[in-house]
Amino acid sequence: MSEWDFLWGLSGKELEDAMTSGMTEEDYLYLEDRERKVRKEEWEKLKALRDSGQISKEEFKNRKIALFSKIAPFRGKGE
């Protein structure tokens, strides 16, 4: 398989974007989905730590801010 096979079937702006970024729209959607799943898992773990009393309210607040202020993946189309 060639390193350019992912371009098969693309045309116009979609092809240009994929060639410059190395990723297709489907790749971006997959990464965004994974990021949502990972963030949800991290949130559930954080809530469990809070509920069990393993971290303070202040630590929970700081971790929550850090978790939800992460920058979303760049989609490559100015979105």
N, C-alpha and C. Protein backbone atom coordinates (compact mmCIF):
# COMPACT_ATOMS: atom_id res chain seq x y z
N MET A 1 0.84 -1.18 0.00
CA MET A 1 0.00 0.00 0.00
C MET A 1 0.89 1.24 0.00
N SER A 2 0.58 2.13 -0.89
CA SER A 2 1.33 3.37 -1.02
C SER A 2 0.95 4.35 0.09
N GLU A 3 1.87 5.22 0.42
CA GLU A 3 1.55 6.22 1.44
C GLU A 3 0.53 7.24 0.93
N TRP A 4 0.24 7.22 -0.36
CA TRP A 4 -0.73 8.14 -0.94
C TRP A 4 -2.08 7.49 -1.22
N ASP A 5 -2.26 6.22 -0.87
CA ASP A 5 -3.51 5.52 -1.15
C ASP A 5 -4.71 6.17 -0.47
N PHE A 6 -4.50 6.86 0.63
CA PHE A 6 -5.62 7.50 1.33
C PHE A 6 -6.26 8.61 0.49
N LEU A 7 -5.59 9.04 -0.58
CA LEU A 7 -6.12 10.10 -1.43
C LEU A 7 -7.08 9.57 -2.49
N TRP A 8 -7.17 8.26 -2.62
CA TRP A 8 -8.01 7.65 -3.65
C TRP A 8 -9.46 8.12 -3.49
N GLY A 9 -10.04 8.59 -4.58
CA GLY A 9 -11.44 9.00 -4.57
C GLY A 9 -11.69 10.43 -4.13
N LEU A 10 -10.65 11.14 -3.74
CA LEU A 10 -10.83 12.53 -3.33
C LEU A 10 -10.63 13.45 -4.54
N SER A 11 -11.24 14.62 -4.50
CA SER A 11 -11.04 15.58 -5.58
C SER A 11 -11.23 16.99 -5.05
N GLY A 12 -10.79 17.94 -5.83
CA GLY A 12 -10.96 19.35 -5.49
C GLY A 12 -10.33 19.74 -4.17
N LYS A 13 -11.07 20.55 -3.43
CA LYS A 13 -10.59 21.09 -2.15
C LYS A 13 -10.30 19.96 -1.15
N GLU A 14 -11.13 18.93 -1.17
CA GLU A 14 -10.93 17.79 -0.27
C GLU A 14 -9.58 17.12 -0.53
N LEU A 15 -9.24 16.96 -1.80
CA LEU A 15 -7.95 16.38 -2.17
C LEU A 15 -6.81 17.30 -1.74
N GLU A 16 -6.95 18.57 -2.01
CA GLU A 16 -5.92 19.54 -1.63
C GLU A 16 -5.69 19.54 -0.12
N ASP A 17 -6.78 19.56 0.65
CA ASP A 17 -6.66 19.54 2.11
C ASP A 17 -5.97 18.27 2.60
N ALA A 18 -6.34 17.14 2.02
CA ALA A 18 -5.75 15.86 2.43
C ALA A 18 -4.27 15.81 2.08
N MET A 19 -3.91 16.35 0.94
CA MET A 19 -2.50 16.33 0.54
C MET A 19 -1.65 17.22 1.45
N THR A 20 -2.18 18.35 1.87
CA THR A 20 -1.39 19.26 2.70
C THR A 20 -1.35 18.82 4.16
N SER A 21 -2.42 18.20 4.63
CA SER A 21 -2.47 17.82 6.05
C SER A 21 -2.06 16.37 6.28
N GLY A 22 -2.19 15.53 5.26
CA GLY A 22 -1.91 14.10 5.44
C GLY A 22 -3.08 13.34 6.02
N MET A 23 -4.24 14.00 6.11
CA MET A 23 -5.42 13.36 6.70
C MET A 23 -6.66 13.73 5.90
N THR A 24 -7.63 12.81 5.89
CA THR A 24 -8.91 13.07 5.24
C THR A 24 -9.92 13.51 6.29
N GLU A 25 -11.09 13.93 5.83
CA GLU A 25 -12.16 14.33 6.75
C GLU A 25 -12.53 13.17 7.67
N GLU A 26 -12.53 11.95 7.15
CA GLU A 26 -12.84 10.77 7.97
C GLU A 26 -11.81 10.59 9.08
N ASP A 27 -10.55 10.88 8.78
CA ASP A 27 -9.50 10.78 9.80
C ASP A 27 -9.76 11.78 10.93
N TYR A 28 -10.13 13.00 10.56
CA TYR A 28 -10.42 14.02 11.58
C TYR A 28 -11.61 13.61 12.44
N LEU A 29 -12.66 13.08 11.78
CA LEU A 29 -13.84 12.64 12.53
C LEU A 29 -13.50 11.52 13.50
N TYR A 30 -12.65 10.58 13.06
CA TYR A 30 -12.23 9.49 13.93
C TYR A 30 -11.47 10.03 15.14
N LEU A 31 -10.55 10.94 14.91
CA LEU A 31 -9.76 11.50 16.01
C LEU A 31 -10.64 12.28 16.99
N GLU A 32 -11.60 13.03 16.46
CA GLU A 32 -12.51 13.77 17.34
C GLU A 32 -13.34 12.81 18.19
N ASP A 33 -13.79 11.72 17.59
CA ASP A 33 -14.57 10.72 18.33
C ASP A 33 -13.73 10.10 19.44
N ARG A 34 -12.49 9.74 19.12
CA ARG A 34 -11.59 9.17 20.14
C ARG A 34 -11.34 10.17 21.26
N GLU A 35 -11.14 11.42 20.91
CA GLU A 35 -10.89 12.45 21.93
C GLU A 35 -12.09 12.57 22.86
N ARG A 36 -13.30 12.55 22.31
CA ARG A 36 -14.51 12.61 23.15
C ARG A 36 -14.58 11.42 24.09
N LYS A 37 -14.27 10.23 23.58
CA LYS A 37 -14.33 9.02 24.41
C LYS A 37 -13.28 9.07 25.52
N VAL A 38 -12.08 9.49 25.19
CA VAL A 38 -11.01 9.58 26.19
C VAL A 38 -11.37 10.62 27.25
N ARG A 39 -11.89 11.76 26.80
CA ARG A 39 -12.26 12.82 27.75
C ARG A 39 -13.38 12.34 28.67
N LYS A 40 -14.33 11.59 28.13
CA LYS A 40 -15.42 11.07 28.97
C LYS A 40 -14.87 10.09 30.01
N GLU A 41 -13.95 9.21 29.59
CA GLU A 41 -13.33 8.28 30.54
C GLU A 41 -12.58 9.03 31.64
N GLU A 42 -11.83 10.06 31.25
CA GLU A 42 -11.09 10.86 32.24
C GLU A 42 -12.06 11.55 33.20
N TRP A 43 -13.19 12.03 32.69
CA TRP A 43 -14.18 12.69 33.53
C TRP A 43 -14.77 11.71 34.54
N GLU A 44 -15.08 10.50 34.09
CA GLU A 44 -15.63 9.49 35.00
C GLU A 44 -14.63 9.13 36.10
N LYS A 45 -13.36 9.01 35.74
CA LYS A 45 -12.32 8.72 36.73
C LYS A 45 -12.19 9.86 37.73
N LEU A 46 -12.25 11.08 37.23
CA LEU A 46 -12.13 12.25 38.10
C LEU A 46 -13.30 12.32 39.08
N LYS A 47 -14.51 12.05 38.60
CA LYS A 47 -15.68 12.06 39.49
C LYS A 47 -15.56 10.96 40.55
N ALA A 48 -15.02 9.81 40.16
CA ALA A 48 -14.84 8.72 41.12
C ALA A 48 -13.85 9.11 42.22
N LEU A 49 -12.77 9.80 41.84
CA LEU A 49 -11.80 10.28 42.83
C LEU A 49 -12.46 11.27 43.79
N ARG A 50 -13.26 12.16 43.25
CA ARG A 50 -13.96 13.14 44.08
C ARG A 50 -14.95 12.44 45.03
N ASP A 51 -15.74 11.53 44.48
CA ASP A 51 -16.78 10.86 45.27
C ASP A 51 -16.20 9.97 46.37
N SER A 52 -15.01 9.43 46.13
CA SER A 52 -14.38 8.57 47.14
C SER A 52 -13.58 9.38 48.17
N GLY A 53 -13.46 10.68 47.95
CA GLY A 53 -12.73 11.53 48.88
C GLY A 53 -11.22 11.48 48.71
N GLN A 54 -10.74 10.92 47.61
CA GLN A 54 -9.30 10.80 47.38
C GLN A 54 -8.66 12.12 46.97
N ILE A 55 -9.46 13.05 46.46
CA ILE A 55 -8.93 14.37 46.12
C ILE A 55 -9.83 15.44 46.75
N SER A 56 -9.25 16.58 47.01
CA SER A 56 -9.99 17.69 47.63
C SER A 56 -10.90 18.36 46.60
N LYS A 57 -11.81 19.19 47.09
CA LYS A 57 -12.69 19.95 46.20
C LYS A 57 -11.87 20.86 45.29
N GLU A 58 -10.84 21.46 45.87
CA GLU A 58 -9.97 22.35 45.08
C GLU A 58 -9.23 21.58 43.99
N GLU A 59 -8.70 20.41 44.33
CA GLU A 59 -8.00 19.58 43.34
C GLU A 59 -8.97 19.14 42.26
N PHE A 60 -10.18 18.77 42.64
CA PHE A 60 -11.20 18.37 41.66
C PHE A 60 -11.47 19.53 40.70
N LYS A 61 -11.64 20.71 41.26
CA LYS A 61 -11.91 21.90 40.44
C LYS A 61 -10.77 22.16 39.46
N ASN A 62 -9.53 22.09 39.94
CA ASN A 62 -8.37 22.33 39.08
C ASN A 62 -8.26 21.30 37.97
N ARG A 63 -8.48 20.04 38.31
CA ARG A 63 -8.40 18.98 37.30
C ARG A 63 -9.55 19.10 36.29
N LYS A 64 -10.72 19.48 36.77
CA LYS A 64 -11.87 19.65 35.88
C LYS A 64 -11.59 20.76 34.87
N ILE A 65 -11.06 21.87 35.36
CA ILE A 65 -10.72 22.98 34.46
C ILE A 65 -9.69 22.53 33.43
N ALA A 66 -8.68 21.81 33.88
CA ALA A 66 -7.64 21.33 32.96
C ALA A 66 -8.22 20.37 31.93
N LEU A 67 -9.10 19.49 32.37
CA LEU A 67 -9.69 18.50 31.47
C LEU A 67 -10.53 19.16 30.38
N PHE A 68 -11.37 20.10 30.77
CA PHE A 68 -12.29 20.69 29.81
C PHE A 68 -11.74 21.90 29.08
N SER A 69 -10.55 22.33 29.42
CA SER A 69 -9.96 23.45 28.68
C SER A 69 -8.96 22.97 27.65
N LYS A 70 -8.82 21.65 27.50
CA LYS A 70 -7.93 21.13 26.46
C LYS A 70 -8.45 21.58 25.11
N ILE A 71 -7.52 21.89 24.23
CA ILE A 71 -7.88 22.36 22.90
C ILE A 71 -8.37 21.18 22.07
N ALA A 72 -9.48 21.39 21.39
CA ALA A 72 -10.04 20.36 20.51
C ALA A 72 -9.10 20.15 19.33
N PRO A 73 -9.13 18.95 18.73
CA PRO A 73 -8.27 18.67 17.58
C PRO A 73 -8.53 19.65 16.43
N PHE A 74 -7.48 20.03 15.74
CA PHE A 74 -7.57 20.93 14.60
C PHE A 74 -8.11 20.17 13.41
N ARG A 75 -9.16 20.68 12.79
CA ARG A 75 -9.80 19.98 11.69
C ARG A 75 -9.19 20.33 10.35
N GLY A 76 -8.36 21.34 10.30
CA GLY A 76 -7.67 21.65 9.06
C GLY A 76 -8.46 22.48 8.06
N LYS A 77 -9.69 22.84 8.39
CA LYS A 77 -10.51 23.60 7.45
C LYS A 77 -10.99 24.90 8.07
N GLY A 78 -10.27 25.38 9.07
CA GLY A 78 -10.64 26.62 9.71
C GLY A 78 -11.85 26.49 10.61
N GLU A 79 -12.20 25.26 10.97
CA GLU A 79 -13.37 25.03 11.84
C GLU A 79 -12.94 24.91 13.27
